[in-house]
Amino acid sequence: DGTYLAVGCNDSSVDIYGVAQRYKKVGECLGSLSFITHLDWSSDSRYLQTNDGNGKRLFYRMPGGKEVTSTEEIKGVHWASWTCVSGLEVNGIWPKYSDINDINSVDGNYIGQVLVTADDYGIIKLFRYPCLRKGAKFRKYIGHSAHVTNVRWSHDYQWVISIGGADHSVFQWKFIPERKLKDAVHIAPQGYIHLYLHRHLNLM
């Protein structure tokens, strides 16, 4: 709700700052043993979930930062965003024999119940959300020539923005919901496609 700012750090902690208190530090999360890679607030700002470099998913009570170990307390929490790559809800995005570093970024589209992922193989993938089962079906889209470092939905969930690593590029993809596919055949002649490349910006 904009009351607090959470900052994931390389020293494995998450610092919590009060916005109204001129960003005074009001809490600290100390459960991880590796650098923080991803974090999400709950919709009511009472909880924070994090991923770290070891692939661990941890929960904290806000704003103090006390770690939550009870699954019952977390059960039913609705997350304002979903960018964590580790967790029950995203188990199915991981290919067989994959390494914890292979998937770099995830973003959830709650309205369309879709997850978009970016990985080290230069591939953008779409999964159903939640994605619980290993080996879940997905659609993949190729445009980047190297690993994809980040991916995010636009505020209206009509576009996906992906950021390349070695190719120094930004891609903008149009999202076509399944119910609109028949109307979008002139745009996506394959008929089953969910994303198409709209614009490519070279940052070099």
N, C-alpha and C. Protein backbone atom coordinates (compact mmCIF):
# COMPACT_ATOMS: atom_id res chain seq x y z
N ASP A 1 0.81 -1.21 0.00
CA ASP A 1 0.00 0.00 0.00
C ASP A 1 0.85 1.27 0.00
N GLY A 2 2.14 1.12 -0.20
CA GLY A 2 3.01 2.28 -0.26
C GLY A 2 3.51 2.77 1.08
N THR A 3 3.17 2.07 2.16
CA THR A 3 3.58 2.50 3.50
C THR A 3 5.05 2.17 3.76
N TYR A 4 5.49 1.03 3.22
CA TYR A 4 6.86 0.58 3.47
C TYR A 4 7.58 0.26 2.16
N LEU A 5 8.90 0.32 2.22
CA LEU A 5 9.76 -0.06 1.11
C LEU A 5 10.64 -1.22 1.57
N ALA A 6 10.65 -2.31 0.81
CA ALA A 6 11.51 -3.46 1.11
C ALA A 6 12.67 -3.49 0.13
N VAL A 7 13.88 -3.67 0.65
CA VAL A 7 15.09 -3.68 -0.18
C VAL A 7 15.85 -4.98 0.08
N GLY A 8 15.95 -5.83 -0.95
CA GLY A 8 16.72 -7.06 -0.83
C GLY A 8 18.20 -6.79 -1.04
N CYS A 9 19.03 -7.37 -0.19
CA CYS A 9 20.46 -7.04 -0.18
C CYS A 9 21.34 -8.25 -0.50
N ASN A 10 22.55 -7.96 -0.94
CA ASN A 10 23.53 -9.01 -1.22
C ASN A 10 24.05 -9.69 0.04
N ASP A 11 23.88 -9.06 1.20
CA ASP A 11 24.35 -9.66 2.45
C ASP A 11 23.32 -10.62 3.04
N SER A 12 22.28 -10.97 2.26
CA SER A 12 21.23 -11.94 2.61
C SER A 12 20.10 -11.35 3.46
N SER A 13 20.13 -10.08 3.75
CA SER A 13 19.07 -9.46 4.54
C SER A 13 18.09 -8.71 3.64
N VAL A 14 16.93 -8.39 4.21
CA VAL A 14 15.97 -7.49 3.56
C VAL A 14 15.71 -6.35 4.54
N ASP A 15 15.96 -5.13 4.13
CA ASP A 15 15.73 -3.96 4.97
C ASP A 15 14.36 -3.37 4.67
N ILE A 16 13.65 -3.00 5.73
CA ILE A 16 12.31 -2.41 5.60
C ILE A 16 12.38 -0.95 6.04
N TYR A 17 11.88 -0.06 5.19
CA TYR A 17 11.92 1.37 5.47
C TYR A 17 10.50 1.94 5.50
N GLY A 18 10.26 2.85 6.43
CA GLY A 18 8.97 3.53 6.51
C GLY A 18 8.95 4.74 5.61
N VAL A 19 8.04 4.75 4.65
CA VAL A 19 7.98 5.86 3.69
C VAL A 19 7.62 7.17 4.37
N ALA A 20 6.60 7.13 5.24
CA ALA A 20 6.15 8.35 5.92
C ALA A 20 7.18 8.87 6.91
N GLN A 21 8.07 7.99 7.36
CA GLN A 21 9.13 8.39 8.30
C GLN A 21 10.41 8.80 7.57
N ARG A 22 10.25 9.30 6.35
CA ARG A 22 11.39 9.73 5.54
C ARG A 22 12.39 8.59 5.34
N TYR A 23 11.83 7.43 5.10
CA TYR A 23 12.60 6.22 4.80
C TYR A 23 13.54 5.81 5.94
N LYS A 24 13.05 5.98 7.14
CA LYS A 24 13.76 5.46 8.31
C LYS A 24 13.64 3.94 8.32
N LYS A 25 14.72 3.26 8.65
CA LYS A 25 14.70 1.80 8.72
C LYS A 25 13.86 1.36 9.91
N VAL A 26 12.83 0.53 9.64
CA VAL A 26 11.90 0.12 10.69
C VAL A 26 11.91 -1.39 10.91
N GLY A 27 12.59 -2.14 10.06
CA GLY A 27 12.61 -3.59 10.22
C GLY A 27 13.71 -4.23 9.40
N GLU A 28 13.98 -5.51 9.71
CA GLU A 28 15.02 -6.23 8.99
C GLU A 28 14.69 -7.72 8.98
N CYS A 29 14.81 -8.35 7.82
CA CYS A 29 14.54 -9.78 7.66
C CYS A 29 15.88 -10.50 7.53
N LEU A 30 16.11 -11.49 8.41
CA LEU A 30 17.44 -12.09 8.50
C LEU A 30 17.44 -13.60 8.34
N GLY A 31 16.42 -14.17 7.71
CA GLY A 31 16.32 -15.62 7.63
C GLY A 31 17.16 -16.28 6.55
N SER A 32 17.53 -15.55 5.51
CA SER A 32 18.25 -16.14 4.38
C SER A 32 19.74 -16.29 4.68
N LEU A 33 20.35 -17.26 4.00
CA LEU A 33 21.79 -17.49 4.11
C LEU A 33 22.51 -17.12 2.81
N SER A 34 21.78 -16.55 1.86
CA SER A 34 22.37 -16.15 0.59
C SER A 34 21.72 -14.84 0.15
N PHE A 35 22.27 -14.24 -0.88
CA PHE A 35 21.78 -12.95 -1.38
C PHE A 35 20.32 -13.05 -1.82
N ILE A 36 19.59 -11.96 -1.68
CA ILE A 36 18.16 -11.92 -2.02
C ILE A 36 18.01 -11.71 -3.52
N THR A 37 17.19 -12.53 -4.14
CA THR A 37 16.99 -12.44 -5.59
C THR A 37 15.62 -11.89 -5.99
N HIS A 38 14.58 -12.21 -5.22
CA HIS A 38 13.23 -11.78 -5.56
C HIS A 38 12.43 -11.56 -4.28
N LEU A 39 11.44 -10.69 -4.33
CA LEU A 39 10.55 -10.50 -3.18
C LEU A 39 9.20 -9.96 -3.63
N ASP A 40 8.17 -10.29 -2.84
CA ASP A 40 6.80 -9.84 -3.11
C ASP A 40 6.10 -9.50 -1.81
N TRP A 41 5.29 -8.45 -1.85
CA TRP A 41 4.43 -8.07 -0.72
C TRP A 41 3.09 -8.79 -0.84
N SER A 42 2.47 -9.03 0.31
CA SER A 42 1.08 -9.48 0.30
C SER A 42 0.20 -8.27 -0.01
N SER A 43 -1.03 -8.53 -0.43
CA SER A 43 -1.93 -7.44 -0.83
C SER A 43 -2.24 -6.49 0.33
N ASP A 44 -2.25 -7.02 1.56
CA ASP A 44 -2.54 -6.18 2.72
C ASP A 44 -1.27 -5.64 3.39
N SER A 45 -0.12 -5.89 2.79
CA SER A 45 1.18 -5.41 3.28
C SER A 45 1.57 -5.97 4.64
N ARG A 46 0.94 -7.06 5.05
CA ARG A 46 1.27 -7.67 6.34
C ARG A 46 2.40 -8.68 6.24
N TYR A 47 2.65 -9.19 5.02
CA TYR A 47 3.67 -10.22 4.85
C TYR A 47 4.56 -9.91 3.65
N LEU A 48 5.76 -10.48 3.69
CA LEU A 48 6.70 -10.40 2.58
C LEU A 48 7.22 -11.81 2.30
N GLN A 49 7.28 -12.18 1.02
CA GLN A 49 7.92 -13.44 0.66
C GLN A 49 9.19 -13.14 -0.13
N THR A 50 10.22 -13.96 0.07
CA THR A 50 11.49 -13.73 -0.60
C THR A 50 12.05 -15.03 -1.18
N ASN A 51 12.87 -14.89 -2.19
CA ASN A 51 13.73 -15.97 -2.70
C ASN A 51 15.17 -15.52 -2.53
N ASP A 52 16.08 -16.49 -2.36
CA ASP A 52 17.49 -16.14 -2.26
C ASP A 52 18.33 -16.96 -3.23
N GLY A 53 19.63 -16.74 -3.20
CA GLY A 53 20.53 -17.40 -4.13
C GLY A 53 20.61 -18.90 -3.98
N ASN A 54 20.14 -19.42 -2.84
CA ASN A 54 20.09 -20.86 -2.62
C ASN A 54 18.77 -21.47 -3.08
N GLY A 55 17.86 -20.62 -3.58
CA GLY A 55 16.57 -21.11 -4.02
C GLY A 55 15.55 -21.25 -2.91
N LYS A 56 15.85 -20.73 -1.73
CA LYS A 56 14.93 -20.84 -0.60
C LYS A 56 13.84 -19.77 -0.69
N ARG A 57 12.64 -20.16 -0.29
CA ARG A 57 11.52 -19.24 -0.19
C ARG A 57 11.19 -19.05 1.29
N LEU A 58 11.20 -17.81 1.73
CA LEU A 58 10.94 -17.50 3.13
C LEU A 58 9.85 -16.45 3.24
N PHE A 59 9.20 -16.42 4.41
CA PHE A 59 8.12 -15.48 4.68
C PHE A 59 8.45 -14.67 5.93
N TYR A 60 8.01 -13.40 5.92
CA TYR A 60 8.26 -12.52 7.06
C TYR A 60 7.01 -11.71 7.38
N ARG A 61 6.85 -11.43 8.67
CA ARG A 61 5.76 -10.58 9.12
C ARG A 61 6.24 -9.13 9.10
N MET A 62 5.43 -8.28 8.51
CA MET A 62 5.81 -6.88 8.34
C MET A 62 5.14 -5.99 9.40
N PRO A 63 5.81 -4.86 9.76
CA PRO A 63 7.05 -4.34 9.18
C PRO A 63 8.32 -4.75 9.92
N GLY A 64 8.17 -5.46 11.03
CA GLY A 64 9.35 -5.77 11.85
C GLY A 64 10.34 -6.71 11.21
N GLY A 65 9.82 -7.68 10.42
CA GLY A 65 10.70 -8.62 9.74
C GLY A 65 10.85 -9.95 10.43
N LYS A 66 9.95 -10.28 11.35
CA LYS A 66 10.02 -11.59 12.03
C LYS A 66 9.67 -12.69 11.03
N GLU A 67 10.51 -13.73 10.99
CA GLU A 67 10.28 -14.83 10.05
C GLU A 67 9.05 -15.63 10.46
N VAL A 68 8.25 -16.00 9.47
CA VAL A 68 7.05 -16.82 9.69
C VAL A 68 7.37 -18.25 9.27
N THR A 69 7.25 -19.18 10.20
CA THR A 69 7.54 -20.59 9.91
C THR A 69 6.28 -21.44 9.86
N SER A 70 5.15 -20.87 10.26
CA SER A 70 3.89 -21.61 10.27
C SER A 70 3.23 -21.53 8.90
N THR A 71 3.04 -22.68 8.27
CA THR A 71 2.36 -22.70 6.97
C THR A 71 0.90 -22.30 7.10
N GLU A 72 0.32 -22.54 8.27
CA GLU A 72 -1.08 -22.17 8.50
C GLU A 72 -1.25 -20.66 8.47
N GLU A 73 -0.28 -19.93 8.99
CA GLU A 73 -0.37 -18.47 9.00
C GLU A 73 -0.32 -17.90 7.59
N ILE A 74 0.48 -18.52 6.73
CA ILE A 74 0.66 -18.02 5.37
C ILE A 74 -0.44 -18.52 4.44
N LYS A 75 -1.06 -19.63 4.79
CA LYS A 75 -2.09 -20.21 3.94
C LYS A 75 -3.20 -19.20 3.66
N GLY A 76 -3.52 -19.01 2.40
CA GLY A 76 -4.59 -18.09 2.04
C GLY A 76 -4.15 -16.66 1.82
N VAL A 77 -2.87 -16.36 2.05
CA VAL A 77 -2.38 -15.00 1.80
C VAL A 77 -2.39 -14.72 0.30
N HIS A 78 -2.93 -13.57 -0.08
CA HIS A 78 -2.93 -13.17 -1.49
C HIS A 78 -1.77 -12.20 -1.71
N TRP A 79 -0.95 -12.50 -2.70
CA TRP A 79 0.22 -11.68 -2.96
C TRP A 79 -0.09 -10.60 -3.98
N ALA A 80 0.34 -9.38 -3.68
CA ALA A 80 0.06 -8.24 -4.56
C ALA A 80 0.74 -8.40 -5.91
N SER A 81 1.87 -9.09 -5.91
CA SER A 81 2.59 -9.40 -7.15
C SER A 81 3.16 -10.80 -7.01
N TRP A 82 3.58 -11.38 -8.14
CA TRP A 82 4.29 -12.66 -8.06
C TRP A 82 5.51 -12.58 -8.96
N THR A 83 6.67 -12.39 -8.33
CA THR A 83 7.93 -12.35 -9.07
C THR A 83 8.92 -13.40 -8.56
N CYS A 84 8.56 -14.14 -7.52
CA CYS A 84 9.45 -15.17 -6.98
C CYS A 84 9.51 -16.37 -7.93
N VAL A 85 10.71 -16.92 -8.10
CA VAL A 85 10.89 -18.05 -9.00
C VAL A 85 10.79 -19.39 -8.27
N SER A 86 10.83 -19.36 -6.94
CA SER A 86 10.73 -20.58 -6.14
C SER A 86 9.47 -20.53 -5.28
N GLY A 87 8.79 -21.66 -5.19
CA GLY A 87 7.58 -21.75 -4.39
C GLY A 87 6.62 -22.75 -4.98
N LEU A 88 5.71 -23.25 -4.15
CA LEU A 88 4.75 -24.26 -4.58
C LEU A 88 3.97 -23.81 -5.80
N GLU A 89 3.59 -22.53 -5.83
CA GLU A 89 2.75 -22.02 -6.91
C GLU A 89 3.46 -21.97 -8.26
N VAL A 90 4.78 -22.08 -8.26
CA VAL A 90 5.54 -22.02 -9.52
C VAL A 90 6.44 -23.24 -9.72
N ASN A 91 6.14 -24.32 -9.03
CA ASN A 91 6.94 -25.55 -9.17
C ASN A 91 7.04 -26.01 -10.62
N GLY A 92 5.96 -25.83 -11.37
CA GLY A 92 5.89 -26.37 -12.73
C GLY A 92 6.68 -25.62 -13.78
N ILE A 93 7.25 -24.47 -13.42
CA ILE A 93 7.99 -23.70 -14.42
C ILE A 93 9.41 -24.24 -14.62
N TRP A 94 9.85 -25.12 -13.72
CA TRP A 94 11.24 -25.59 -13.76
C TRP A 94 11.37 -26.85 -14.60
N PRO A 95 12.18 -26.81 -15.67
CA PRO A 95 12.39 -28.00 -16.49
C PRO A 95 13.16 -29.07 -15.72
N LYS A 96 13.06 -30.28 -16.19
CA LYS A 96 13.80 -31.38 -15.59
C LYS A 96 15.30 -31.12 -15.71
N TYR A 97 16.02 -31.41 -14.65
CA TYR A 97 17.49 -31.24 -14.58
C TYR A 97 17.92 -29.78 -14.64
N SER A 98 17.02 -28.85 -14.42
CA SER A 98 17.40 -27.44 -14.48
C SER A 98 18.17 -27.03 -13.22
N ASP A 99 18.96 -25.99 -13.37
CA ASP A 99 19.73 -25.42 -12.27
C ASP A 99 18.96 -24.24 -11.68
N ILE A 100 19.21 -23.93 -10.41
CA ILE A 100 18.48 -22.86 -9.74
C ILE A 100 18.69 -21.51 -10.42
N ASN A 101 19.77 -21.37 -11.19
CA ASN A 101 20.05 -20.11 -11.88
C ASN A 101 19.48 -20.03 -13.29
N ASP A 102 18.83 -21.08 -13.76
CA ASP A 102 18.38 -21.12 -15.15
C ASP A 102 17.22 -20.17 -15.44
N ILE A 103 16.31 -20.01 -14.47
CA ILE A 103 15.18 -19.08 -14.65
C ILE A 103 15.49 -17.80 -13.90
N ASN A 104 15.57 -16.71 -14.63
CA ASN A 104 16.00 -15.44 -14.06
C ASN A 104 14.87 -14.58 -13.54
N SER A 105 13.70 -14.70 -14.15
CA SER A 105 12.62 -13.77 -13.82
C SER A 105 11.26 -14.40 -14.07
N VAL A 106 10.30 -14.04 -13.23
CA VAL A 106 8.91 -14.49 -13.34
C VAL A 106 8.02 -13.29 -13.05
N ASP A 107 6.88 -13.23 -13.72
CA ASP A 107 5.88 -12.22 -13.36
C ASP A 107 4.50 -12.80 -13.58
N GLY A 108 3.64 -12.64 -12.58
CA GLY A 108 2.30 -13.21 -12.63
C GLY A 108 1.26 -12.22 -13.12
N ASN A 109 0.36 -12.70 -13.95
CA ASN A 109 -0.79 -11.94 -14.42
C ASN A 109 -2.01 -12.57 -13.78
N TYR A 110 -2.48 -11.99 -12.67
CA TYR A 110 -3.59 -12.58 -11.93
C TYR A 110 -4.89 -12.54 -12.73
N ILE A 111 -5.08 -11.49 -13.52
CA ILE A 111 -6.32 -11.35 -14.29
C ILE A 111 -6.43 -12.47 -15.32
N GLY A 112 -5.35 -12.72 -16.04
CA GLY A 112 -5.36 -13.76 -17.06
C GLY A 112 -4.94 -15.12 -16.55
N GLN A 113 -4.56 -15.18 -15.25
CA GLN A 113 -4.07 -16.42 -14.64
C GLN A 113 -2.93 -17.02 -15.46
N VAL A 114 -1.96 -16.17 -15.76
CA VAL A 114 -0.83 -16.56 -16.60
C VAL A 114 0.47 -16.11 -15.94
N LEU A 115 1.50 -16.94 -16.04
CA LEU A 115 2.86 -16.59 -15.63
C LEU A 115 3.73 -16.42 -16.85
N VAL A 116 4.57 -15.42 -16.85
CA VAL A 116 5.58 -15.29 -17.91
C VAL A 116 6.94 -15.46 -17.26
N THR A 117 7.84 -16.21 -17.92
CA THR A 117 9.17 -16.45 -17.37
C THR A 117 10.24 -16.08 -18.39
N ALA A 118 11.43 -15.78 -17.88
CA ALA A 118 12.60 -15.49 -18.71
C ALA A 118 13.75 -16.34 -18.22
N ASP A 119 14.50 -16.94 -19.15
CA ASP A 119 15.54 -17.87 -18.72
C ASP A 119 16.89 -17.65 -19.41
N ASP A 120 17.85 -18.48 -19.01
CA ASP A 120 19.21 -18.37 -19.53
C ASP A 120 19.36 -18.85 -20.97
N TYR A 121 18.30 -19.43 -21.52
CA TYR A 121 18.37 -19.96 -22.88
C TYR A 121 17.79 -18.98 -23.90
N GLY A 122 17.48 -17.76 -23.45
CA GLY A 122 16.95 -16.74 -24.35
C GLY A 122 15.49 -16.92 -24.68
N ILE A 123 14.77 -17.68 -23.84
CA ILE A 123 13.38 -18.04 -24.14
C ILE A 123 12.41 -17.35 -23.18
N ILE A 124 11.32 -16.84 -23.72
CA ILE A 124 10.18 -16.35 -22.95
C ILE A 124 9.13 -17.46 -22.96
N LYS A 125 8.57 -17.79 -21.79
CA LYS A 125 7.56 -18.83 -21.71
C LYS A 125 6.31 -18.32 -21.00
N LEU A 126 5.17 -18.86 -21.41
CA LEU A 126 3.90 -18.60 -20.73
C LEU A 126 3.39 -19.90 -20.11
N PHE A 127 3.01 -19.82 -18.83
CA PHE A 127 2.42 -20.93 -18.10
C PHE A 127 1.09 -20.48 -17.51
N ARG A 128 0.23 -21.46 -17.21
CA ARG A 128 -0.96 -21.16 -16.42
C ARG A 128 -0.55 -20.90 -14.98
N TYR A 129 -1.28 -20.00 -14.31
CA TYR A 129 -1.03 -19.73 -12.90
C TYR A 129 -2.25 -20.12 -12.08
N PRO A 130 -2.06 -20.82 -10.95
CA PRO A 130 -0.79 -21.32 -10.43
C PRO A 130 -0.27 -22.49 -11.25
N CYS A 131 1.04 -22.71 -11.16
CA CYS A 131 1.71 -23.76 -11.95
C CYS A 131 2.34 -24.75 -10.97
N LEU A 132 1.54 -25.70 -10.52
CA LEU A 132 1.93 -26.55 -9.41
C LEU A 132 2.73 -27.78 -9.81
N ARG A 133 2.40 -28.37 -10.95
CA ARG A 133 2.95 -29.68 -11.29
C ARG A 133 4.19 -29.58 -12.16
N LYS A 134 5.18 -30.40 -11.85
CA LYS A 134 6.37 -30.50 -12.69
C LYS A 134 5.97 -30.97 -14.08
N GLY A 135 6.64 -30.45 -15.09
CA GLY A 135 6.33 -30.82 -16.46
C GLY A 135 5.10 -30.13 -17.01
N ALA A 136 4.71 -29.00 -16.42
CA ALA A 136 3.53 -28.27 -16.88
C ALA A 136 3.70 -27.82 -18.32
N LYS A 137 2.58 -27.77 -19.05
CA LYS A 137 2.61 -27.31 -20.43
C LYS A 137 2.89 -25.81 -20.47
N PHE A 138 3.50 -25.37 -21.55
CA PHE A 138 3.82 -23.96 -21.71
C PHE A 138 3.90 -23.62 -23.19
N ARG A 139 3.91 -22.33 -23.48
CA ARG A 139 4.18 -21.84 -24.83
C ARG A 139 5.46 -21.02 -24.77
N LYS A 140 6.32 -21.20 -25.75
CA LYS A 140 7.60 -20.50 -25.72
C LYS A 140 7.74 -19.56 -26.91
N TYR A 141 8.49 -18.49 -26.69
CA TYR A 141 8.67 -17.44 -27.69
C TYR A 141 10.14 -17.04 -27.73
N ILE A 142 10.68 -16.98 -28.92
CA ILE A 142 12.11 -16.72 -29.09
C ILE A 142 12.32 -15.41 -29.85
N GLY A 143 13.21 -14.60 -29.33
CA GLY A 143 13.55 -13.34 -29.97
C GLY A 143 14.94 -12.90 -29.57
N HIS A 144 15.24 -13.08 -28.29
CA HIS A 144 16.56 -12.71 -27.77
C HIS A 144 17.62 -13.68 -28.26
N SER A 145 18.83 -13.18 -28.44
CA SER A 145 19.92 -14.03 -28.92
C SER A 145 20.78 -14.57 -27.78
N ALA A 146 20.45 -14.19 -26.55
CA ALA A 146 21.20 -14.66 -25.38
C ALA A 146 20.24 -14.73 -24.20
N HIS A 147 20.78 -14.91 -23.00
CA HIS A 147 19.94 -15.06 -21.81
C HIS A 147 19.06 -13.82 -21.62
N VAL A 148 17.87 -14.04 -21.06
CA VAL A 148 16.92 -12.97 -20.77
C VAL A 148 17.00 -12.68 -19.28
N THR A 149 17.29 -11.45 -18.92
CA THR A 149 17.55 -11.13 -17.52
C THR A 149 16.30 -10.76 -16.73
N ASN A 150 15.29 -10.21 -17.41
CA ASN A 150 14.10 -9.78 -16.68
C ASN A 150 12.90 -9.75 -17.60
N VAL A 151 11.72 -9.91 -17.01
CA VAL A 151 10.48 -9.87 -17.78
C VAL A 151 9.37 -9.35 -16.88
N ARG A 152 8.52 -8.47 -17.42
CA ARG A 152 7.42 -7.90 -16.64
C ARG A 152 6.21 -7.64 -17.53
N TRP A 153 5.02 -7.74 -16.91
CA TRP A 153 3.78 -7.34 -17.56
C TRP A 153 3.64 -5.83 -17.49
N SER A 154 2.98 -5.25 -18.46
CA SER A 154 2.61 -3.84 -18.39
C SER A 154 1.49 -3.68 -17.36
N HIS A 155 1.21 -2.44 -16.97
CA HIS A 155 0.22 -2.21 -15.92
C HIS A 155 -1.17 -2.70 -16.30
N ASP A 156 -1.48 -2.74 -17.61
CA ASP A 156 -2.80 -3.19 -18.06
C ASP A 156 -2.79 -4.65 -18.53
N TYR A 157 -1.67 -5.33 -18.37
CA TYR A 157 -1.51 -6.75 -18.72
C TYR A 157 -1.72 -7.04 -20.21
N GLN A 158 -1.58 -6.05 -21.04
CA GLN A 158 -1.71 -6.27 -22.49
C GLN A 158 -0.36 -6.49 -23.17
N TRP A 159 0.70 -6.18 -22.46
CA TRP A 159 2.04 -6.28 -23.04
C TRP A 159 2.99 -6.97 -22.07
N VAL A 160 4.01 -7.61 -22.64
CA VAL A 160 5.11 -8.16 -21.86
C VAL A 160 6.40 -7.48 -22.33
N ILE A 161 7.19 -7.00 -21.38
CA ILE A 161 8.47 -6.38 -21.69
C ILE A 161 9.58 -7.31 -21.21
N SER A 162 10.50 -7.66 -22.11
CA SER A 162 11.61 -8.53 -21.73
C SER A 162 12.93 -7.81 -21.98
N ILE A 163 13.89 -8.05 -21.08
CA ILE A 163 15.19 -7.39 -21.14
C ILE A 163 16.27 -8.43 -21.40
N GLY A 164 17.04 -8.22 -22.45
CA GLY A 164 18.11 -9.14 -22.79
C GLY A 164 19.39 -8.84 -22.03
N GLY A 165 20.26 -9.84 -21.95
CA GLY A 165 21.55 -9.66 -21.30
C GLY A 165 22.62 -9.28 -22.30
N ALA A 166 23.25 -10.28 -22.89
CA ALA A 166 24.35 -10.03 -23.83
C ALA A 166 23.90 -9.33 -25.10
N ASP A 167 22.62 -9.44 -25.47
CA ASP A 167 22.16 -8.77 -26.70
C ASP A 167 21.77 -7.31 -26.46
N HIS A 168 21.76 -6.86 -25.20
CA HIS A 168 21.50 -5.46 -24.86
C HIS A 168 20.20 -4.96 -25.49
N SER A 169 19.16 -5.78 -25.45
CA SER A 169 17.92 -5.43 -26.15
C SER A 169 16.71 -5.45 -25.23
N VAL A 170 15.71 -4.67 -25.62
CA VAL A 170 14.40 -4.67 -24.97
C VAL A 170 13.38 -5.13 -26.00
N PHE A 171 12.58 -6.14 -25.63
CA PHE A 171 11.52 -6.62 -26.52
C PHE A 171 10.16 -6.29 -25.91
N GLN A 172 9.24 -5.90 -26.77
CA GLN A 172 7.86 -5.65 -26.36
C GLN A 172 6.97 -6.67 -27.06
N TRP A 173 6.22 -7.44 -26.26
CA TRP A 173 5.38 -8.51 -26.79
C TRP A 173 3.91 -8.20 -26.52
N LYS A 174 3.07 -8.45 -27.51
CA LYS A 174 1.63 -8.27 -27.34
C LYS A 174 1.02 -9.56 -26.81
N PHE A 175 0.26 -9.45 -25.73
CA PHE A 175 -0.41 -10.61 -25.14
C PHE A 175 -1.80 -10.75 -25.74
N ILE A 176 -2.08 -11.93 -26.28
CA ILE A 176 -3.39 -12.21 -26.86
C ILE A 176 -4.07 -13.28 -26.01
N PRO A 177 -5.05 -12.91 -25.18
CA PRO A 177 -5.75 -13.92 -24.37
C PRO A 177 -6.38 -14.99 -25.23
N GLU A 178 -6.53 -16.16 -24.67
CA GLU A 178 -7.03 -17.31 -25.43
C GLU A 178 -8.39 -17.04 -26.05
N ARG A 179 -9.24 -16.32 -25.31
CA ARG A 179 -10.59 -16.07 -25.81
C ARG A 179 -10.60 -15.16 -27.03
N LYS A 180 -9.49 -14.44 -27.27
CA LYS A 180 -9.42 -13.51 -28.40
C LYS A 180 -8.64 -14.07 -29.58
N LEU A 181 -8.21 -15.31 -29.47
CA LEU A 181 -7.34 -15.85 -30.52
C LEU A 181 -8.02 -15.88 -31.88
N LYS A 182 -9.31 -16.22 -31.93
CA LYS A 182 -10.00 -16.31 -33.21
C LYS A 182 -10.06 -14.95 -33.89
N ASP A 183 -10.18 -13.90 -33.08
CA ASP A 183 -10.24 -12.55 -33.64
C ASP A 183 -8.86 -12.04 -34.03
N ALA A 184 -7.81 -12.72 -33.57
CA ALA A 184 -6.45 -12.22 -33.78
C ALA A 184 -5.67 -13.02 -34.80
N VAL A 185 -6.37 -13.83 -35.59
CA VAL A 185 -5.67 -14.69 -36.54
C VAL A 185 -4.86 -13.87 -37.53
N HIS A 186 -5.34 -12.68 -37.88
CA HIS A 186 -4.59 -11.86 -38.83
C HIS A 186 -3.29 -11.35 -38.23
N ILE A 187 -3.22 -11.33 -36.91
CA ILE A 187 -2.01 -10.90 -36.22
C ILE A 187 -1.12 -12.10 -35.93
N ALA A 188 -1.73 -13.18 -35.51
CA ALA A 188 -1.00 -14.38 -35.12
C ALA A 188 -1.51 -15.56 -35.94
N PRO A 189 -1.01 -15.75 -37.15
CA PRO A 189 -1.57 -16.75 -38.06
C PRO A 189 -1.47 -18.18 -37.58
N GLN A 190 -0.60 -18.47 -36.60
CA GLN A 190 -0.53 -19.83 -36.09
C GLN A 190 -1.80 -20.22 -35.34
N GLY A 191 -2.53 -19.25 -34.86
CA GLY A 191 -3.80 -19.53 -34.20
C GLY A 191 -3.69 -19.83 -32.73
N TYR A 192 -2.57 -20.39 -32.30
CA TYR A 192 -2.43 -20.76 -30.90
C TYR A 192 -1.49 -19.82 -30.13
N ILE A 193 -0.89 -18.91 -30.83
CA ILE A 193 0.12 -18.07 -30.19
C ILE A 193 -0.51 -17.11 -29.20
N HIS A 194 0.18 -16.85 -28.11
CA HIS A 194 -0.29 -15.92 -27.09
C HIS A 194 0.48 -14.61 -27.09
N LEU A 195 1.70 -14.64 -27.61
CA LEU A 195 2.51 -13.44 -27.66
C LEU A 195 3.03 -13.24 -29.08
N TYR A 196 3.12 -12.02 -29.51
CA TYR A 196 3.86 -11.78 -30.75
C TYR A 196 4.76 -10.57 -30.55
N LEU A 197 5.87 -10.57 -31.23
CA LEU A 197 6.85 -9.50 -31.08
C LEU A 197 6.34 -8.24 -31.75
N HIS A 198 6.24 -7.18 -30.95
CA HIS A 198 5.72 -5.92 -31.47
C HIS A 198 6.84 -4.96 -31.84
N ARG A 199 7.85 -4.87 -31.00
CA ARG A 199 8.91 -3.91 -31.25
C ARG A 199 10.19 -4.37 -30.61
N HIS A 200 11.28 -4.13 -31.28
CA HIS A 200 12.59 -4.49 -30.77
C HIS A 200 13.44 -3.24 -30.67
N LEU A 201 13.92 -2.93 -29.47
CA LEU A 201 14.74 -1.75 -29.26
C LEU A 201 16.16 -2.18 -28.92
N ASN A 202 17.12 -1.78 -29.71
CA ASN A 202 18.51 -2.11 -29.43
C ASN A 202 19.11 -1.02 -28.55
N LEU A 203 19.66 -1.42 -27.41
CA LEU A 203 20.19 -0.45 -26.45
C LEU A 203 21.65 -0.11 -26.67
N MET A 204 22.30 -0.77 -27.63
CA MET A 204 23.73 -0.53 -27.83
C MET A 204 23.97 0.82 -28.52
